[in-house]
């Protein structure tokens, strides 16, 4: 029997540039100030939130720490009691949302401009 066949196979990934990937992620982050939304903008966001249903495809702009992020995906859950919107697995508090877009929430035939 060959000595190499008896030895267990252990494979570990080797990060030759330790910390490099983390440094790249930090540089990709764009630090922005919280946008000041007018009363009309806030009211429009509120109307869009109430038109969202689970299963809709949307794009949401939100703030996380000091970074403005955009996420596109299917709405898993919207919870008005906890004031959170869940897109796929990401839960976003309503207070952090700065923009909402989606075909089904943009075109509301009963919306009065």
C-alpha atoms as a PDB file:
ATOM      1  CA  UNK A   1       0.000   0.000   0.000  1.00  0.00           C
ATOM      2  CA  UNK A   2       1.264   3.450  -0.881  1.00  0.00           C
ATOM      3  CA  UNK A   3       1.951   5.838   2.004  1.00  0.00           C
ATOM      4  CA  UNK A   4       0.130   8.675   0.151  1.00  0.00           C
ATOM      5  CA  UNK A   5      -3.087   6.672  -0.094  1.00  0.00           C
ATOM      6  CA  UNK A   6      -3.291   6.239   3.685  1.00  0.00           C
ATOM      7  CA  UNK A   7      -2.835   9.907   4.447  1.00  0.00           C
ATOM      8  CA  UNK A   8      -6.105  11.875   4.720  1.00  0.00           C
ATOM      9  CA  UNK A   9      -6.673  14.486   2.084  1.00  0.00           C
ATOM     10  CA  UNK A  10      -6.864  17.925   3.684  1.00  0.00           C
ATOM     11  CA  UNK A  11      -7.376  20.913   1.461  1.00  0.00           C
ATOM     12  CA  UNK A  12      -7.430  24.424   2.831  1.00  0.00           C
ATOM     13  CA  UNK A  13      -7.660  27.549   0.787  1.00  0.00           C
ATOM     14  CA  UNK A  14      -4.550  29.655   0.930  1.00  0.00           C
ATOM     15  CA  UNK A  15      -4.866  33.436   0.960  1.00  0.00           C
ATOM     16  CA  UNK A  16      -1.547  34.566  -0.412  1.00  0.00           C
ATOM     17  CA  UNK A  17      -2.486  38.234  -0.031  1.00  0.00           C
ATOM     18  CA  UNK A  18      -3.818  38.226   3.511  1.00  0.00           C
ATOM     19  CA  UNK A  19      -6.271  41.091   4.023  1.00  0.00           C
ATOM     20  CA  UNK A  20      -6.236  42.173   0.369  1.00  0.00           C
ATOM     21  CA  UNK A  21      -9.855  41.198  -0.330  1.00  0.00           C
ATOM     22  CA  UNK A  22     -11.028  43.075   2.750  1.00  0.00           C
ATOM     23  CA  UNK A  23      -9.089  46.149   1.645  1.00  0.00           C
ATOM     24  CA  UNK A  24     -10.738  45.992  -1.777  1.00  0.00           C
ATOM     25  CA  UNK A  25     -14.189  45.803  -0.181  1.00  0.00           C
ATOM     26  CA  UNK A  26     -13.440  48.876   1.929  1.00  0.00           C
ATOM     27  CA  UNK A  27     -12.381  50.833  -1.142  1.00  0.00           C
ATOM     28  CA  UNK A  28     -15.566  49.832  -2.981  1.00  0.00           C
ATOM     29  CA  UNK A  29     -17.672  51.446  -0.256  1.00  0.00           C
ATOM     30  CA  UNK A  30     -18.738  54.968  -1.041  1.00  0.00           C
ATOM     31  CA  UNK A  31     -19.388  57.026   2.071  1.00  0.00           C
ATOM     32  CA  UNK A  32     -22.283  59.411   1.618  1.00  0.00           C
ATOM     33  CA  UNK A  33     -24.322  61.615   3.866  1.00  0.00           C
ATOM     34  CA  UNK A  34     -27.940  60.753   4.471  1.00  0.00           C
ATOM     35  CA  UNK A  35     -29.910  62.412   1.685  1.00  0.00           C
ATOM     36  CA  UNK A  36     -32.395  65.016   2.806  1.00  0.00           C
ATOM     37  CA  UNK A  37     -35.774  63.978   1.467  1.00  0.00           C
ATOM     38  CA  UNK A  38     -38.523  66.531   1.077  1.00  0.00           C
ATOM     39  CA  UNK A  39     -42.009  65.960   2.460  1.00  0.00           C
ATOM     40  CA  UNK A  40     -43.171  65.087  -1.061  1.00  0.00           C
ATOM     41  CA  UNK A  41     -40.370  62.528  -1.433  1.00  0.00           C
ATOM     42  CA  UNK A  42     -41.245  60.962   1.929  1.00  0.00           C
ATOM     43  CA  UNK A  43     -44.924  60.839   1.015  1.00  0.00           C
ATOM     44  CA  UNK A  44     -44.118  59.188  -2.325  1.00  0.00           C
ATOM     45  CA  UNK A  45     -41.936  56.579  -0.568  1.00  0.00           C
ATOM     46  CA  UNK A  46     -44.760  55.915   1.872  1.00  0.00           C
ATOM     47  CA  UNK A  47     -47.250  55.386  -0.977  1.00  0.00           C
ATOM     48  CA  UNK A  48     -44.833  53.003  -2.705  1.00  0.00           C
ATOM     49  CA  UNK A  49     -44.316  51.019   0.509  1.00  0.00           C
ATOM     50  CA  UNK A  50     -48.049  50.433   0.794  1.00  0.00           C
ATOM     51  CA  UNK A  51     -48.205  49.183  -2.816  1.00  0.00           C
ATOM     52  CA  UNK A  52     -45.467  46.584  -2.275  1.00  0.00           C
ATOM     53  CA  UNK A  53     -46.538  42.955  -1.963  1.00  0.00           C
ATOM     54  CA  UNK A  54     -44.508  39.792  -1.335  1.00  0.00           C
ATOM     55  CA  UNK A  55     -43.237  38.339  -4.608  1.00  0.00           C
ATOM     56  CA  UNK A  56     -42.711  41.679  -6.376  1.00  0.00           C
ATOM     57  CA  UNK A  57     -39.392  42.457  -8.039  1.00  0.00           C
ATOM     58  CA  UNK A  58     -38.078  45.797  -6.780  1.00  0.00           C
ATOM     59  CA  UNK A  59     -34.945  47.878  -6.487  1.00  0.00           C
ATOM     60  CA  UNK A  60     -34.427  49.567  -3.126  1.00  0.00           C
ATOM     61  CA  UNK A  61     -31.875  52.202  -2.209  1.00  0.00           C
ATOM     62  CA  UNK A  62     -31.061  52.244   1.483  1.00  0.00           C
ATOM     63  CA  UNK A  63     -28.523  53.428   4.003  1.00  0.00           C
ATOM     64  CA  UNK A  64     -26.426  51.009   6.007  1.00  0.00           C
ATOM     65  CA  UNK A  65     -24.059  52.682   8.445  1.00  0.00           C
ATOM     66  CA  UNK A  66     -22.510  55.492   6.367  1.00  0.00           C
ATOM     67  CA  UNK A  67     -22.999  53.853   2.989  1.00  0.00           C
ATOM     68  CA  UNK A  68     -25.807  54.174   0.466  1.00  0.00           C
ATOM     69  CA  UNK A  69     -26.515  50.768  -1.104  1.00  0.00           C
ATOM     70  CA  UNK A  70     -28.844  49.474  -3.798  1.00  0.00           C
ATOM     71  CA  UNK A  71     -30.411  46.040  -3.739  1.00  0.00           C
ATOM     72  CA  UNK A  72     -32.498  44.442  -6.435  1.00  0.00           C
ATOM     73  CA  UNK A  73     -34.554  41.331  -5.879  1.00  0.00           C
ATOM     74  CA  UNK A  74     -37.846  39.783  -4.869  1.00  0.00           C
ATOM     75  CA  UNK A  75     -39.735  41.029  -1.830  1.00  0.00           C
ATOM     76  CA  UNK A  76     -39.890  38.203   0.692  1.00  0.00           C
ATOM     77  CA  UNK A  77     -41.869  40.039   3.348  1.00  0.00           C
ATOM     78  CA  UNK A  78     -43.091  43.481   4.294  1.00  0.00           C
ATOM     79  CA  UNK A  79     -43.861  43.990   7.975  1.00  0.00           C
ATOM     80  CA  UNK A  80     -45.717  47.196   8.859  1.00  0.00           C
ATOM     81  CA  UNK A  81     -45.708  46.369  12.578  1.00  0.00           C
ATOM     82  CA  UNK A  82     -41.923  46.097  12.760  1.00  0.00           C
ATOM     83  CA  UNK A  83     -41.489  48.621   9.921  1.00  0.00           C
ATOM     84  CA  UNK A  84     -39.181  46.410   7.885  1.00  0.00           C
ATOM     85  CA  UNK A  85     -38.949  45.404   4.251  1.00  0.00           C
ATOM     86  CA  UNK A  86     -37.281  42.091   3.459  1.00  0.00           C
ATOM     87  CA  UNK A  87     -35.796  41.667  -0.016  1.00  0.00           C
ATOM     88  CA  UNK A  88     -34.587  38.099  -0.452  1.00  0.00           C
ATOM     89  CA  UNK A  89     -32.832  37.626   2.942  1.00  0.00           C
ATOM     90  CA  UNK A  90     -31.926  41.270   3.658  1.00  0.00           C
ATOM     91  CA  UNK A  91     -34.167  43.070   6.179  1.00  0.00           C
ATOM     92  CA  UNK A  92     -34.236  46.834   5.710  1.00  0.00           C
ATOM     93  CA  UNK A  93     -35.836  49.214   8.219  1.00  0.00           C
ATOM     94  CA  UNK A  94     -38.263  51.673   6.625  1.00  0.00           C
ATOM     95  CA  UNK A  95     -36.324  54.613   8.105  1.00  0.00           C
ATOM     96  CA  UNK A  96     -33.219  53.599   6.086  1.00  0.00           C
ATOM     97  CA  UNK A  97     -34.981  53.467   2.699  1.00  0.00           C
ATOM     98  CA  UNK A  98     -34.185  56.381   0.378  1.00  0.00           C
ATOM     99  CA  UNK A  99     -35.596  55.078  -2.932  1.00  0.00           C
ATOM    100  CA  UNK A 100     -37.939  52.403  -4.252  1.00  0.00           C
ATOM    101  CA  UNK A 101     -38.389  51.354  -7.863  1.00  0.00           C
ATOM    102  CA  UNK A 102     -40.265  48.568  -9.570  1.00  0.00           C
ATOM    103  CA  UNK A 103     -42.626  48.155 -12.490  1.00  0.00           C
ATOM    104  CA  UNK A 104     -45.544  47.140 -10.292  1.00  0.00           C
ATOM    105  CA  UNK A 105     -45.153  49.974  -7.774  1.00  0.00           C
ATOM    106  CA  UNK A 106     -44.444  52.691 -10.366  1.00  0.00           C
ATOM    107  CA  UNK A 107     -47.571  52.079 -12.432  1.00  0.00           C
ATOM    108  CA  UNK A 108     -50.598  52.391 -10.162  1.00  0.00           C
ATOM    109  CA  UNK A 109     -53.726  53.219 -12.203  1.00  0.00           C
ATOM    110  CA  UNK A 110     -55.572  54.434  -9.096  1.00  0.00           C
ATOM    111  CA  UNK A 111     -52.824  56.809  -7.910  1.00  0.00           C
ATOM    112  CA  UNK A 112     -53.838  60.455  -8.031  1.00  0.00           C
ATOM    113  CA  UNK A 113     -50.819  62.627  -8.864  1.00  0.00           C
END
